Protein backbone atom coordinates (compact mmCIF):
# COMPACT_ATOMS: atom_id res chain seq x y z
CA UNK A 1 110.19 96.50 21.55
CA UNK A 2 106.62 97.05 20.42
CA UNK A 3 105.68 93.58 21.68
CA UNK A 4 107.21 94.37 25.09
CA UNK A 5 105.19 97.59 25.40
CA UNK A 6 102.05 95.74 24.37
CA UNK A 7 102.59 93.08 27.03
CA UNK A 8 103.27 95.76 29.65
CA UNK A 9 100.06 97.57 28.65
CA UNK A 10 98.07 94.36 28.96
CA UNK A 11 99.54 93.65 32.39
CA UNK A 12 98.73 97.14 33.63
CA UNK A 13 95.24 97.19 32.20
CA UNK A 14 93.51 95.10 34.92
CA UNK A 15 94.93 97.22 37.73
CA UNK A 16 93.92 100.44 35.93
CA UNK A 17 90.45 99.13 35.23
CA UNK A 18 90.19 97.91 38.82
CA UNK A 19 91.11 101.36 40.14
CA UNK A 20 88.57 102.92 37.76
CA UNK A 21 85.87 100.53 38.93
CA UNK A 22 86.66 101.38 42.58
CA UNK A 23 86.27 105.08 41.82
CA UNK A 24 82.94 104.45 40.08
CA UNK A 25 81.81 102.35 43.02
CA UNK A 26 82.65 105.19 45.42
CA UNK A 27 80.73 107.68 43.33
CA UNK A 28 77.70 105.40 43.24
CA UNK A 29 77.86 104.95 47.01
CA UNK A 30 78.08 108.70 47.52
CA UNK A 31 74.93 109.13 45.42
CA UNK A 32 73.17 106.40 47.42
CA UNK A 33 74.18 108.02 50.68
CA UNK A 34 72.93 111.41 49.51
CA UNK A 35 69.59 109.96 48.46
CA UNK A 36 69.28 108.06 51.74
CA UNK A 37 70.08 111.23 53.68
CA UNK A 38 67.43 113.16 51.78
CA UNK A 39 64.79 110.52 52.50
CA UNK A 40 65.72 110.28 56.18
CA UNK A 41 65.70 114.06 56.60
CA UNK A 42 62.18 114.19 55.11
CA UNK A 43 61.16 111.37 57.43
CA UNK A 44 62.71 113.29 60.35
CA UNK A 45 60.56 116.34 59.52
CA UNK A 46 57.43 114.16 59.34
CA UNK A 47 58.28 112.51 62.68
CA UNK A 48 58.82 115.90 64.35
CA UNK A 49 55.42 117.09 63.10
CA UNK A 50 53.77 113.87 64.22
CA UNK A 51 55.37 114.27 67.66
CA UNK A 52 53.87 117.75 67.98
CA UNK A 53 50.43 116.44 67.02
CA UNK A 54 50.56 113.35 69.27
CA UNK A 55 48.10 113.39 72.15
CA UNK A 56 48.89 110.33 74.28
CA UNK A 57 52.14 109.77 76.21
CA UNK A 58 52.52 106.30 74.78
CA UNK A 59 52.38 107.65 71.22
CA UNK A 60 54.85 110.44 72.12
CA UNK A 61 57.34 107.94 73.55
CA UNK A 62 57.04 105.79 70.44
CA UNK A 63 57.60 108.78 68.15
CA UNK A 64 60.60 109.99 70.22
CA UNK A 65 62.22 106.56 69.87
CA UNK A 66 61.68 106.64 66.11
CA UNK A 67 63.01 110.21 65.99
CA UNK A 68 66.19 109.26 67.89
CA UNK A 69 66.72 106.30 65.62
CA UNK A 70 66.37 108.45 62.52
CA UNK A 71 68.77 111.07 63.88
CA UNK A 72 71.28 108.36 64.70
CA UNK A 73 71.10 106.98 61.14
CA UNK A 74 71.48 110.49 59.68
CA UNK A 75 74.62 111.10 61.75
CA UNK A 76 76.07 107.75 60.69
CA UNK A 77 75.36 108.43 57.02
CA UNK A 78 76.85 111.92 57.19
CA UNK A 79 79.97 110.49 58.85
CA UNK A 80 80.17 107.71 56.24
CA UNK A 81 79.84 110.28 53.42
CA UNK A 82 82.64 112.37 54.90
CA UNK A 83 84.89 109.33 55.48
CA UNK A 84 84.53 108.22 51.84
CA UNK A 85 85.18 111.71 50.50
CA UNK A 86 88.21 112.45 52.72
CA UNK A 87 89.71 108.95 52.65
CA UNK A 88 89.06 108.08 56.30
CA UNK A 89 89.20 111.47 58.09
CA UNK A 90 86.45 113.52 59.77
CA UNK A 91 86.17 117.09 61.04
CA UNK A 92 84.68 115.81 64.28
CA UNK A 93 87.95 114.08 65.02
CA UNK A 94 89.95 117.26 64.43
CA UNK A 95 87.56 119.29 66.56
CA UNK A 96 87.72 116.70 69.30
CA UNK A 97 91.54 116.79 69.29
CA UNK A 98 91.62 120.54 69.71
CA UNK A 99 88.82 120.76 72.26
CA UNK A 100 89.79 121.93 75.73
CA UNK A 101 87.93 120.19 78.48
CA UNK A 102 87.57 121.35 82.04
CA UNK A 103 88.72 118.86 84.63
CA UNK A 104 87.98 118.83 88.31
CA UNK A 105 90.81 118.34 90.82
CA UNK A 106 90.56 114.56 90.58
CA UNK A 107 90.75 114.60 86.79
CA UNK A 108 93.69 116.99 86.88
CA UNK A 109 95.59 114.51 89.04
CA UNK A 110 95.17 112.01 86.22
CA UNK A 111 95.94 114.49 83.45
CA UNK A 112 99.45 113.10 83.09
CA UNK A 113 97.92 109.87 81.82
CA UNK A 114 96.35 111.59 78.82
CA UNK A 115 99.50 111.57 76.61
CA UNK A 116 99.94 107.87 77.22
CA UNK A 117 96.31 107.14 76.42
CA UNK A 118 96.56 109.30 73.30
CA UNK A 119 99.57 107.31 72.13
CA UNK A 120 97.77 104.04 72.79
CA UNK A 121 94.66 105.33 71.04
CA UNK A 122 96.71 106.43 68.06
CA UNK A 123 98.47 103.06 67.86
CA UNK A 124 95.24 101.08 67.99
CA UNK A 125 92.88 103.45 66.17
CA UNK A 126 93.13 101.83 62.73
CA UNK A 127 92.71 98.34 64.14
CA UNK A 128 89.75 99.39 66.28
CA UNK A 129 88.06 100.96 63.27
CA UNK A 130 88.66 97.76 61.29
CA UNK A 131 87.19 95.69 64.09
CA UNK A 132 84.16 97.96 64.36
CA UNK A 133 83.49 97.86 60.62
CA UNK A 134 83.98 94.08 60.53
CA UNK A 135 81.44 93.66 63.35
CA UNK A 136 78.98 95.96 61.57
CA UNK A 137 79.41 94.06 58.32
CA UNK A 138 78.78 90.79 60.14
CA UNK A 139 75.74 92.34 61.86
CA UNK A 140 74.19 93.51 58.57
CA UNK A 141 74.90 90.18 56.93
CA UNK A 142 73.07 88.38 59.72
CA UNK A 143 70.16 90.80 59.48
CA UNK A 144 69.99 90.41 55.70
CA UNK A 145 69.86 86.62 56.11
CA UNK A 146 66.98 86.97 58.59
CA UNK A 147 65.11 89.43 56.33
CA UNK A 148 65.59 87.28 53.24
CA UNK A 149 64.25 84.26 55.11
CA UNK A 150 61.23 86.26 56.22
CA UNK A 151 60.61 87.55 52.68
CA UNK A 152 60.82 84.03 51.28
CA UNK A 153 58.12 83.02 53.73
CA UNK A 154 56.03 86.06 52.77
CA UNK A 155 56.36 85.32 49.06
CA UNK A 156 55.07 81.81 49.66
CA UNK A 157 51.96 83.24 51.29
CA UNK A 158 48.73 83.12 49.30
CA UNK A 159 46.63 86.22 48.82
CA UNK A 160 43.51 84.31 47.77
CA UNK A 161 40.79 84.15 50.32
CA UNK A 162 41.99 87.26 52.16
CA UNK A 163 39.83 90.27 52.58
CA UNK A 164 40.79 93.57 51.03
CA UNK A 165 41.93 95.04 54.34
CA UNK A 166 43.94 91.93 55.18
CA UNK A 167 45.63 91.99 51.79
CA UNK A 168 46.51 95.65 52.34
CA UNK A 169 48.05 94.91 55.75
CA UNK A 170 49.85 91.90 54.24
CA UNK A 171 51.40 94.12 51.57
CA UNK A 172 52.38 96.71 54.17
CA UNK A 173 54.29 94.08 56.19
CA UNK A 174 56.00 92.80 53.06
CA UNK A 175 56.89 96.36 52.06
CA UNK A 176 58.34 97.05 55.53
CA UNK A 177 60.54 93.97 55.28
CA UNK A 178 61.62 95.05 51.80
CA UNK A 179 62.63 98.41 53.26
CA UNK A 180 64.63 96.60 55.95
CA UNK A 181 66.37 94.51 53.29
CA UNK A 182 67.23 97.58 51.29
CA UNK A 183 68.47 99.45 54.37
CA UNK A 184 70.74 96.67 55.62
CA UNK A 185 72.02 96.00 52.11
CA UNK A 186 72.84 99.66 51.68
CA UNK A 187 74.57 99.90 55.09
CA UNK A 188 76.49 96.71 54.36
CA UNK A 189 77.87 98.17 51.14
CA UNK A 190 78.76 101.43 52.89
CA UNK A 191 80.67 99.59 55.61
CA UNK A 192 82.47 97.50 53.02
CA UNK A 193 83.56 100.64 51.19
CA UNK A 194 84.80 102.19 54.43
CA UNK A 195 86.73 99.03 55.30
CA UNK A 196 88.24 98.99 51.82
CA UNK A 197 89.31 102.63 52.22
CA UNK A 198 90.90 101.89 55.59
CA UNK A 199 92.83 98.94 54.23
CA UNK A 200 94.08 100.93 51.25
CA UNK A 201 95.10 103.83 53.50
CA UNK A 202 96.88 101.41 55.84
CA UNK A 203 98.67 99.82 52.89
CA UNK A 204 99.92 103.25 51.76
CA UNK A 205 101.14 104.07 55.28
CA UNK A 206 102.73 100.68 55.86
CA UNK A 207 106.44 100.93 56.64
CA UNK A 208 109.22 98.40 56.56
CA UNK A 209 110.96 97.14 59.68
CA UNK A 210 114.04 99.18 58.84
CA UNK A 211 111.98 102.37 58.44
CA UNK A 212 110.20 101.78 61.73
CA UNK A 213 113.49 101.09 63.48
CA UNK A 214 115.03 104.23 61.98
CA UNK A 215 111.99 106.26 62.99
CA UNK A 216 112.23 104.95 66.57
CA UNK A 217 115.97 105.53 66.83
CA UNK A 218 115.70 109.08 65.51
CA UNK A 219 112.56 109.82 67.52
CA UNK A 220 111.58 108.33 70.85
CA UNK A 221 114.64 106.11 71.11
CA UNK A 222 116.93 109.13 70.76
CA UNK A 223 114.87 111.02 73.33
CA UNK A 224 115.15 108.16 75.82
CA UNK A 225 118.90 107.81 75.22
CA UNK A 226 119.46 111.54 75.68
CA UNK A 227 117.37 111.60 78.88
CA UNK A 228 119.16 108.64 80.45
CA UNK A 229 122.52 110.02 79.33
CA UNK A 230 121.76 113.42 80.86
CA UNK A 231 120.68 111.82 84.15
CA UNK A 232 123.77 109.62 84.30
CA UNK A 233 126.08 112.53 83.39
CA UNK A 234 124.67 114.76 86.10
CA UNK A 235 124.96 111.98 88.68
CA UNK A 236 128.56 111.12 87.74
CA UNK A 237 129.62 114.78 87.73
CA UNK A 238 128.19 115.27 91.19
CA UNK A 239 129.89 112.08 92.38
CA UNK A 240 133.18 113.45 91.04
CA UNK A 241 132.63 116.71 92.89
CA UNK A 242 131.90 114.72 96.04
CA UNK A 243 135.18 112.82 95.66
CA UNK A 244 137.07 116.09 95.29
CA UNK A 245 135.40 117.47 98.42
CA UNK A 246 136.34 114.33 100.36
CA UNK A 247 139.96 114.75 99.29
CA UNK A 248 139.88 118.34 100.52
CA UNK A 249 138.51 117.50 103.98
CA UNK A 250 140.53 114.31 104.52
CA UNK A 251 142.54 114.32 107.72
CA UNK A 252 140.12 116.47 109.70
CA UNK A 253 139.25 115.56 113.29
CA UNK A 254 136.78 112.78 113.96
CA UNK A 255 134.34 114.94 115.97
CA UNK A 256 132.85 116.10 112.66
CA UNK A 257 132.02 112.57 111.58
CA UNK A 258 128.25 112.87 112.11
CA UNK A 259 128.08 116.21 110.34
CA UNK A 260 130.00 114.73 107.44
CA UNK A 261 127.56 111.81 107.30
CA UNK A 262 124.57 114.17 107.17
CA UNK A 263 126.22 116.24 104.45
CA UNK A 264 127.15 113.13 102.45
CA UNK A 265 123.60 111.75 102.61
CA UNK A 266 122.08 115.12 101.70
CA UNK A 267 124.50 115.48 98.80
CA UNK A 268 123.63 111.99 97.55
CA UNK A 269 119.91 112.80 97.69
CA UNK A 270 120.45 116.08 95.81
CA UNK A 271 122.48 114.23 93.16
CA UNK A 272 119.62 111.79 92.56
CA UNK A 273 117.09 114.66 92.46
CA UNK A 274 119.15 116.64 89.94
CA UNK A 275 119.52 113.53 87.77
CA UNK A 276 115.73 113.09 87.66
CA UNK A 277 115.29 116.81 86.87
CA UNK A 278 117.79 116.50 84.01
CA UNK A 279 115.85 113.55 82.58
CA UNK A 280 112.56 115.48 82.70
CA UNK A 281 114.22 118.52 81.14
CA UNK A 282 115.27 116.45 78.11
CA UNK A 283 111.75 115.05 77.76
CA UNK A 284 110.33 118.57 77.87
CA UNK A 285 112.97 119.90 75.48
CA UNK A 286 112.19 117.16 72.97
CA UNK A 287 108.45 117.73 73.43
CA UNK A 288 107.76 114.06 74.21
CA UNK A 289 104.87 114.28 76.66
CA UNK A 290 104.25 110.56 76.53
CA UNK A 291 107.73 109.68 77.83
CA UNK A 292 107.42 112.46 80.38
CA UNK A 293 104.14 110.99 81.59
CA UNK A 294 105.65 107.49 81.76
CA UNK A 295 108.56 108.81 83.83
CA UNK A 296 106.16 110.59 86.20
CA UNK A 297 104.09 107.44 86.58
CA UNK A 298 107.22 105.41 87.35
CA UNK A 299 108.28 107.88 90.05
CA UNK A 300 104.76 107.96 91.52
CA UNK A 301 104.55 104.15 91.42
CA UNK A 302 107.86 103.82 93.25
CA UNK A 303 106.70 106.28 95.93
CA UNK A 304 103.35 104.48 96.21
CA UNK A 305 104.99 101.08 96.59
CA UNK A 306 107.39 102.40 99.21
CA UNK A 307 104.78 104.34 101.18
CA UNK A 308 104.36 101.59 103.79
CA UNK A 309 108.13 101.22 104.08
CA UNK A 310 108.84 104.90 104.70
CA UNK A 311 109.07 104.55 108.54
CA UNK A 312 111.53 101.70 108.13
CA UNK A 313 113.58 103.71 105.64
CA UNK A 314 113.59 106.66 108.06
CA UNK A 315 115.09 104.37 110.69
CA UNK A 316 117.66 103.15 108.19
CA UNK A 317 118.57 106.73 107.35
CA UNK A 318 119.04 107.45 111.08
CA UNK A 319 121.33 104.43 111.30
CA UNK A 320 123.20 105.51 108.19
CA UNK A 321 123.76 108.96 109.70
CA UNK A 322 125.03 107.33 112.94
CA UNK A 323 122.08 108.70 114.94
CA UNK A 324 120.32 105.37 115.56
CA UNK A 325 120.48 102.66 118.20
CA UNK A 326 123.48 101.09 116.46
CA UNK A 327 126.53 103.33 116.18
CA UNK A 328 129.86 102.99 114.51
CA UNK A 329 132.75 101.79 116.70
CA UNK A 330 130.47 100.16 119.29
CA UNK A 331 129.70 96.52 120.08
CA UNK A 332 126.51 94.65 119.16
CA UNK A 333 125.23 91.09 119.50
CA UNK A 334 124.31 89.66 116.09
CA UNK A 335 123.53 85.97 115.50
CA UNK A 336 124.49 85.23 119.14
CA UNK A 337 127.99 86.60 118.50
CA UNK A 338 129.55 89.91 119.59
CA UNK A 339 130.67 92.19 116.77
CA UNK A 340 132.28 95.57 116.45
CA UNK A 341 130.48 97.95 114.06
CA UNK A 342 133.48 98.76 111.87
CA UNK A 343 131.59 101.00 109.37
CA UNK A 344 127.96 101.90 108.82
CA UNK A 345 126.79 101.84 105.22
CA UNK A 346 124.06 100.32 103.08
CA UNK A 347 125.99 97.11 103.71
CA UNK A 348 127.48 97.48 107.17
CA UNK A 349 130.86 95.94 108.01
CA UNK A 350 130.99 94.01 111.29
CA UNK A 351 134.28 92.78 112.75
CA UNK A 352 135.15 89.98 115.17
CA UNK A 353 138.85 89.10 115.44
CA UNK A 354 138.08 85.52 116.48
CA UNK A 355 135.93 84.71 113.43
CA UNK A 356 137.45 83.36 110.23
CA UNK A 357 137.88 86.32 107.89
CA UNK A 358 137.19 88.68 110.82
CA UNK A 359 134.58 90.75 108.91
CA UNK A 360 130.95 90.23 107.94
CA UNK A 361 128.81 92.33 105.57
CA UNK A 362 125.16 92.70 106.59
CA UNK A 363 122.40 94.90 105.12
CA UNK A 364 121.51 97.98 107.09
CA UNK A 365 117.96 96.68 107.59
CA UNK A 366 119.30 93.74 109.64
CA UNK A 367 120.43 96.18 112.37
CA UNK A 368 117.09 97.94 112.89
CA UNK A 369 116.11 95.91 115.97
CA UNK A 370 119.59 95.81 117.52
CA UNK A 371 121.33 98.10 120.00
CA UNK A 372 125.04 98.74 120.34
CA UNK A 373 127.09 99.72 123.41
CA UNK A 374 130.53 100.93 124.30
CA UNK A 375 133.03 98.23 125.29
CA UNK A 376 136.40 97.83 126.98
CA UNK A 377 139.48 96.77 125.12
CA UNK A 378 139.94 93.66 127.31
CA UNK A 379 136.45 92.23 126.58
CA UNK A 380 136.55 88.80 124.95
CA UNK A 381 135.04 88.41 121.49
CA UNK A 382 134.69 84.61 121.74
CA UNK A 383 135.57 81.93 124.31
CA UNK A 384 138.42 80.75 122.08
CA UNK A 385 140.24 81.37 118.83
CA UNK A 386 141.22 79.12 115.96
CA UNK A 387 144.22 76.93 116.85
CA UNK A 388 143.43 76.91 120.58
CA UNK A 389 142.49 73.88 122.69
CA UNK A 390 139.25 73.67 124.61
CA UNK A 391 137.67 71.37 127.16
CA UNK A 392 133.92 71.07 126.58
CA UNK A 393 131.13 70.42 129.03
CA UNK A 394 130.46 66.97 127.61
CA UNK A 395 134.01 65.93 128.58
CA UNK A 396 135.44 66.18 125.06
CA UNK A 397 138.80 67.80 124.47
CA UNK A 398 140.18 69.05 121.19
CA UNK A 399 141.65 71.79 119.01
CA UNK A 400 139.41 74.46 117.46
CA UNK A 401 140.25 74.44 113.75
CA UNK A 402 137.51 76.75 112.38
CA UNK A 403 135.15 79.41 113.68
CA UNK A 404 132.58 81.09 111.43
CA UNK A 405 129.38 82.99 112.13
CA UNK A 406 127.52 79.69 111.62
CA UNK A 407 129.59 76.85 113.10
CA UNK A 408 132.64 75.77 115.11
CA UNK A 409 134.79 72.80 114.05
CA UNK A 410 136.77 70.92 116.73
CA UNK A 411 139.41 68.25 116.08
CA UNK A 412 139.15 65.72 118.92
CA UNK A 413 141.92 63.60 120.38
CA UNK A 414 142.81 60.93 117.85
CA UNK A 415 141.93 63.08 114.80
CA UNK A 416 138.13 62.84 114.77
CA UNK A 417 136.28 66.06 113.90
CA UNK A 418 133.08 67.39 115.45
CA UNK A 419 130.98 70.36 114.36
CA UNK A 420 128.87 72.59 116.56
CA UNK A 421 126.46 75.39 115.78
CA UNK A 422 127.34 78.67 117.46
CA UNK A 423 124.58 78.44 120.06
CA UNK A 424 125.15 74.72 120.95
CA UNK A 425 128.90 75.33 121.20
CA UNK A 426 128.46 78.23 123.60
CA UNK A 427 126.00 76.11 125.61
CA UNK A 428 128.81 73.62 126.35
CA UNK A 429 130.62 76.37 128.34
CA UNK A 430 133.99 75.61 126.72
CA UNK A 431 137.13 75.95 128.87
CA UNK A 432 140.01 77.53 126.94
CA UNK A 433 143.10 75.49 127.86
CA UNK A 434 145.35 77.62 125.64
CA UNK A 435 145.10 80.45 128.18
CA UNK A 436 146.57 78.22 130.90
CA UNK A 437 145.10 75.41 133.00
CA UNK A 438 145.54 73.32 136.12
CA UNK A 439 145.37 69.58 136.72
CA UNK A 440 144.40 67.95 140.01
CA UNK A 441 144.71 64.35 141.15
CA UNK A 442 144.49 62.29 144.36
CA UNK A 443 147.19 59.94 145.71
CA UNK A 444 147.11 57.84 148.88
CA UNK A 445 149.56 55.85 151.10
CA UNK A 446 149.01 53.23 153.75
CA UNK A 447 148.32 54.03 157.41
CA UNK A 448 151.64 52.48 158.40
CA UNK A 449 153.25 55.75 157.24
CA UNK A 450 151.12 57.78 159.59
CA UNK A 451 154.06 59.31 161.49
CA UNK A 452 155.52 61.00 158.37
CA UNK A 453 152.28 61.55 156.52
CA UNK A 454 152.12 65.32 157.10
CA UNK A 455 155.84 66.13 156.95
CA UNK A 456 158.25 64.07 154.88
CA UNK A 457 155.85 62.40 152.47
CA UNK A 458 154.23 65.62 151.02
CA UNK A 459 157.64 67.32 150.78
CA UNK A 460 159.32 64.41 149.02
CA UNK A 461 156.31 63.82 146.79
CA UNK A 462 156.22 67.47 145.71
CA UNK A 463 159.97 67.53 145.03
CA UNK A 464 159.91 64.38 142.90
CA UNK A 465 156.79 65.28 140.88
CA UNK A 466 158.04 68.85 140.27
CA UNK A 467 161.31 67.62 138.91
CA UNK A 468 159.58 65.15 136.63
CA UNK A 469 157.16 67.77 135.26
CA UNK A 470 159.94 70.27 134.66
CA UNK A 471 161.86 67.65 132.74
CA UNK A 472 158.85 66.77 130.57
CA UNK A 473 157.18 70.16 129.97
CA UNK A 474 159.96 72.68 130.55
CA UNK A 475 158.70 76.29 130.60
CA UNK A 476 155.14 75.13 130.02
CA UNK A 477 155.12 73.90 133.66
CA UNK A 478 154.40 76.70 136.15
CA UNK A 479 153.93 75.38 139.65
CA UNK A 480 153.01 72.38 141.78
CA UNK A 481 151.42 72.00 145.19
CA UNK A 482 151.00 68.83 147.30
CA UNK A 483 148.83 68.98 150.41
CA UNK A 484 147.48 66.38 152.83
CA UNK A 485 143.81 66.08 151.95
CA UNK A 486 142.16 63.64 154.33
CA UNK A 487 142.43 60.40 156.26
CA UNK A 488 140.26 58.03 154.35
CA UNK A 489 138.97 54.61 155.44
CA UNK A 490 141.95 52.71 154.05
CA UNK A 491 144.47 55.38 153.07
CA UNK A 492 146.02 58.74 153.78
CA UNK A 493 145.14 60.88 150.73
CA UNK A 494 147.06 63.77 149.22
CA UNK A 495 145.88 66.44 146.75
CA UNK A 496 148.39 67.08 143.93
CA UNK A 497 147.68 70.21 141.87
CA UNK A 498 149.86 71.28 138.91
CA UNK A 499 149.61 74.50 136.83
CA UNK A 500 150.64 74.79 133.19
CA UNK A 501 150.79 77.52 130.55
CA UNK A 502 148.81 77.36 127.30
CA UNK A 503 151.80 75.81 125.58
CA UNK A 504 150.98 72.50 127.24
CA UNK A 505 147.33 72.60 126.19
CA UNK A 506 147.86 70.03 123.47
CA UNK A 507 149.21 67.59 126.13
CA UNK A 508 146.29 68.12 128.50
CA UNK A 509 145.22 64.43 128.61
CA UNK A 510 148.81 63.40 129.42
CA UNK A 511 149.27 65.76 132.37
CA UNK A 512 146.86 63.86 134.61
CA UNK A 513 148.53 60.55 133.81
CA UNK A 514 151.98 62.06 134.38
CA UNK A 515 151.00 63.22 137.87
CA UNK A 516 149.87 59.70 138.80
CA UNK A 517 152.94 58.09 137.22
CA UNK A 518 155.44 60.38 138.95
CA UNK A 519 153.70 59.91 142.32
CA UNK A 520 153.77 56.13 141.98
CA UNK A 521 157.46 56.17 140.97
CA UNK A 522 158.33 58.21 144.08
CA UNK A 523 156.37 55.79 146.27
CA UNK A 524 158.33 52.88 144.84
CA UNK A 525 161.64 54.66 145.46
CA UNK A 526 160.75 55.46 149.08
CA UNK A 527 159.06 52.14 149.77
CA UNK A 528 155.72 53.68 150.51
CA UNK A 529 152.96 51.12 150.59
CA UNK A 530 149.98 52.01 148.42
CA UNK A 531 146.81 50.73 150.10
CA UNK A 532 143.80 49.05 148.67
CA UNK A 533 140.30 49.06 149.97
CA UNK A 534 139.89 46.68 152.96
CA UNK A 535 136.82 45.39 154.80
CA UNK A 536 137.37 44.80 158.56
CA UNK A 537 134.83 42.74 160.53
CA UNK A 538 134.82 43.10 164.33
CA UNK A 539 133.36 40.15 166.25
CA UNK A 540 131.90 40.82 169.69
């Protein structure tokens, strides 16, 4: 046991002796600082007297510079003395913290930044002081190296052969450089002591990660959580009250729709405002001016960023309140397509019954340059719908299998598929066969049937073709007309026109061929001669 205590005493001895040596070193430095202050104060008195006795402006300026330099060194030494005695604190700092400064109106606008800057200054103060002392130590070390080099050169100088006055001036220069060496050495030691005090104070104040985390959670983290929670609670409560109010006024007449929109928007704005007020109230209640300043800066920054967008947002608000150029329940043209404005909101719902899905969500800002109008119930929303058959301008025929706000897909005869953009598809002027269509063809007989060409032949031709079409298409066939058209060079031509419902749209290519086939079959039955083009040459 005695051996263990002896070993423990030996292990603790160096640290105790080291602490004792540090204390002795501080006492010695305090004595040096006091002596240096006494000398500089005497020198300051001599310089003030010399300044009063100076006659030339040049001499006065030189003495003022020396006087300012001496005063600066005295202030630094007094501050160093106080820092060593108090362990890194000064009264000037306390007085500066409690000093009330007068700000003009511009400074008062920036007063909210002061808590943030104070927090940043507090966070970086120790490191800035370390950096300053390190730079000063490096500065004095460089100056000491320069002075030592100069003194080495002076010591090598020979005094022999110099006059008495020259030797005196030589000694004065050497003495001045010795004073510089002593001064920089002294200041270097003082700065080293201050740096050592700062590092020891920082080591005592050093906290673990867990302690810092606990301090944040119980301090500023708790304040932030309470503020955000208060803001969210206020907003949700007001949203709940809004829902209850909507349940109470549900079923009222629609002529109050605009008033309800204005009230809803105003209520939403008040809810946001009260949430922000609740957040600031928590910051003020907790006394956290830094977080309060940060929140104010965030609000101001948002307003500043949005300042150029305010006119656009005013227009969006007018649209949202149903007071703008686009109104709910009316018809607009968006992306070259007609749409009904089903509901105005931050994301507006547009409806077109012919488009796949029928509805489209667009941001309110996309409607700013548009204008809506009233419409009739029988207005078409698109030339065709999905599942209908169309005849396009380029001669193609097919079934529309998909319509979106971007493209139209058409399945052509034979199964091939072709895609059109909305604008190119509308440019083809599509004919909707599913709404009903007519087919026309020409049929001619020889001139030898001239006597019955306007009586029996059209009647018999119409009767035979009608019966054939009724047998093939049933109710999809509507009507047929056969009329004498003209007396051509080699034939007597008839115009055959048949009408069908949309049910026969999928057989559109066959209807033309059926008309020709049925006409030819009737001609064969009746023995009508079908002419061909002849060239007759008359010889004089």
